[in-house]
Amino acid sequence: MTYRTLADLVLVVHLAFALFAGLGGLLVLRWRRLAWVHVPCAVWGALIMFAGWICPLTPLENDLRRRGGQAGYQGGFIEHYVVSVLYPRGLTRGLQFGIGAGVVVVNAAVYGSMLARARRRHRGDPGDPARGSG
């Protein structure tokens, strides 16, 4: 495998991780055990944004691109369409904080909903739609 192909693979994994961290709580609604993987990913994703850190996948990808003789993200489908999602132009600390807050809010809403349903089910609340009564 060439360095460029490895860099593209890292980019795809990076995008998948970012999407999973931000929206994976929606998958947890269907597959609850996935929460054991999702919660640490969401925490890490939000922490990266709040702290202004650089995800370790970014320097890895850039190193692979340099080793492959590339100087940036020009050319290719992945570079043109996906990179701007992960590395938007004009990314400010305020925008990073907003993204981190979005990750927290979306996932808090999902997990809060799950906990509320679990409590209703535990109490035998007749208004719980999961119990088929109402």
Protein backbone atom coordinates (compact mmCIF):
# COMPACT_ATOMS: atom_id res chain seq x y z
CA MET A 1 0.00 0.00 0.00
CA THR A 2 1.35 3.42 -0.86
CA TYR A 3 1.69 6.25 1.62
CA ARG A 4 -1.00 8.20 -0.20
CA THR A 5 -3.43 5.30 0.09
CA LEU A 6 -2.60 4.96 3.78
CA ALA A 7 -3.16 8.70 4.24
CA ASP A 8 -6.56 8.40 2.50
CA LEU A 9 -7.44 5.49 4.76
CA VAL A 10 -6.51 7.52 7.86
CA LEU A 11 -8.67 10.37 6.57
CA VAL A 12 -11.67 8.08 6.09
CA VAL A 13 -11.19 6.59 9.58
CA HIS A 14 -10.88 10.12 10.97
CA LEU A 15 -14.14 11.20 9.32
CA ALA A 16 -15.92 8.05 10.49
CA PHE A 17 -14.69 8.62 14.04
CA ALA A 18 -15.80 12.26 14.02
CA LEU A 19 -19.27 11.30 12.75
CA PHE A 20 -19.54 8.49 15.28
CA ALA A 21 -18.44 10.76 18.15
CA GLY A 22 -20.94 13.42 17.18
CA LEU A 23 -23.92 11.35 16.08
CA GLY A 24 -23.25 7.85 17.39
CA GLY A 25 -25.70 8.35 20.23
CA LEU A 26 -28.42 7.90 17.63
CA LEU A 27 -27.07 4.40 16.94
CA VAL A 28 -27.08 3.72 20.67
CA LEU A 29 -30.83 4.26 20.66
CA ARG A 30 -31.05 1.09 18.57
CA TRP A 31 -28.06 -0.87 19.91
CA ARG A 32 -27.64 0.04 23.58
CA ARG A 33 -24.43 -1.91 24.15
CA LEU A 34 -22.74 0.32 21.61
CA ALA A 35 -22.76 2.99 24.34
CA TRP A 36 -19.67 1.34 25.85
CA VAL A 37 -17.77 2.33 22.71
CA HIS A 38 -19.60 5.52 21.90
CA VAL A 39 -19.33 7.35 25.24
CA PRO A 40 -15.49 7.35 25.32
CA CYS A 41 -15.41 8.39 21.64
CA ALA A 42 -17.84 11.25 22.25
CA VAL A 43 -15.91 12.39 25.31
CA TRP A 44 -12.63 12.32 23.37
CA GLY A 45 -14.17 14.20 20.42
CA ALA A 46 -15.63 16.90 22.64
CA LEU A 47 -12.39 17.17 24.63
CA ILE A 48 -10.37 17.67 21.45
CA MET A 49 -12.70 20.53 20.49
CA PHE A 50 -12.93 22.14 23.94
CA ALA A 51 -9.18 21.98 24.58
CA GLY A 52 -8.21 23.02 21.07
CA TRP A 53 -6.00 19.98 20.70
CA ILE A 54 -5.10 18.33 17.43
CA CYS A 55 -6.35 14.79 17.02
CA PRO A 56 -3.42 12.35 16.69
CA LEU A 57 -4.85 11.18 13.36
CA THR A 58 -4.15 14.59 11.79
CA PRO A 59 -0.34 14.54 12.11
CA LEU A 60 -0.34 10.85 11.13
CA GLU A 61 -2.21 11.62 7.92
CA ASN A 62 -0.01 14.62 7.14
CA ASP A 63 3.14 12.57 7.71
CA LEU A 64 1.89 9.84 5.39
CA ARG A 65 1.07 12.44 2.74
CA ARG A 66 4.57 13.96 2.99
CA ARG A 67 6.13 10.50 2.73
CA GLY A 68 3.97 9.92 -0.33
CA GLY A 69 5.33 13.06 -1.96
CA GLN A 70 2.20 15.16 -1.43
CA ALA A 71 2.18 18.72 -0.18
CA GLY A 72 -1.32 19.17 1.11
CA TYR A 73 -4.76 18.01 0.17
CA GLN A 74 -4.96 18.75 -3.54
CA GLY A 75 -6.26 16.17 -5.96
CA GLY A 76 -8.40 13.13 -5.48
CA PHE A 77 -12.00 12.75 -4.42
CA ILE A 78 -11.32 12.20 -0.73
CA GLU A 79 -9.12 15.24 -0.40
CA HIS A 80 -11.52 17.53 -2.27
CA TYR A 81 -14.79 16.54 -0.59
CA VAL A 82 -13.92 15.14 2.82
CA VAL A 83 -11.01 17.22 4.07
CA SER A 84 -13.08 20.41 4.23
CA VAL A 85 -15.45 18.67 6.65
CA LEU A 86 -12.62 17.65 8.99
CA TYR A 87 -10.45 20.72 8.50
CA PRO A 88 -12.76 23.65 7.62
CA ARG A 89 -11.21 26.94 6.58
CA GLY A 90 -11.50 29.64 9.20
CA LEU A 91 -11.80 27.21 12.10
CA THR A 92 -11.69 29.46 15.16
CA ARG A 93 -11.58 28.61 18.87
CA GLY A 94 -15.18 29.82 19.13
CA LEU A 95 -16.26 27.49 16.34
CA GLN A 96 -14.32 24.61 17.92
CA PHE A 97 -16.05 25.28 21.22
CA GLY A 98 -19.40 25.36 19.43
CA ILE A 99 -18.71 22.02 17.75
CA GLY A 100 -17.70 20.51 21.09
CA ALA A 101 -20.86 21.87 22.70
CA GLY A 102 -22.91 20.42 19.85
CA VAL A 103 -21.40 16.99 20.46
CA VAL A 104 -22.25 17.26 24.15
CA VAL A 105 -25.81 18.56 23.60
CA VAL A 106 -26.78 15.97 20.96
CA ASN A 107 -25.42 13.09 22.97
CA ALA A 108 -26.78 14.36 26.30
CA ALA A 109 -30.24 14.54 24.71
CA VAL A 110 -29.96 11.01 23.35
CA TYR A 111 -28.63 9.49 26.57
CA GLY A 112 -31.06 11.53 28.68
CA SER A 113 -33.94 10.16 26.62
CA MET A 114 -32.63 6.63 27.07
CA LEU A 115 -32.32 7.06 30.83
CA ALA A 116 -35.83 8.51 31.10
CA ARG A 117 -37.25 5.57 29.17
CA ALA A 118 -35.35 3.11 31.34
CA ARG A 119 -36.69 4.77 34.50
CA ARG A 120 -40.27 4.67 33.22
CA ARG A 121 -39.87 1.03 32.26
CA HIS A 122 -38.41 0.23 35.68
CA ARG A 123 -41.31 1.93 37.46
CA GLY A 124 -43.83 0.26 35.16
CA ASP A 125 -45.14 3.64 34.00
CA PRO A 126 -48.22 2.99 31.84
CA GLY A 127 -47.33 6.00 29.70
CA ASP A 128 -44.17 4.33 28.44
CA PRO A 129 -44.60 3.77 24.67
CA ALA A 130 -42.13 0.87 24.81
CA ARG A 131 -44.61 -1.06 26.96
CA GLY A 132 -47.37 -0.77 24.38
CA SER A 133 -49.87 0.93 26.70
CA GLY A 134 -50.88 4.49 26.97
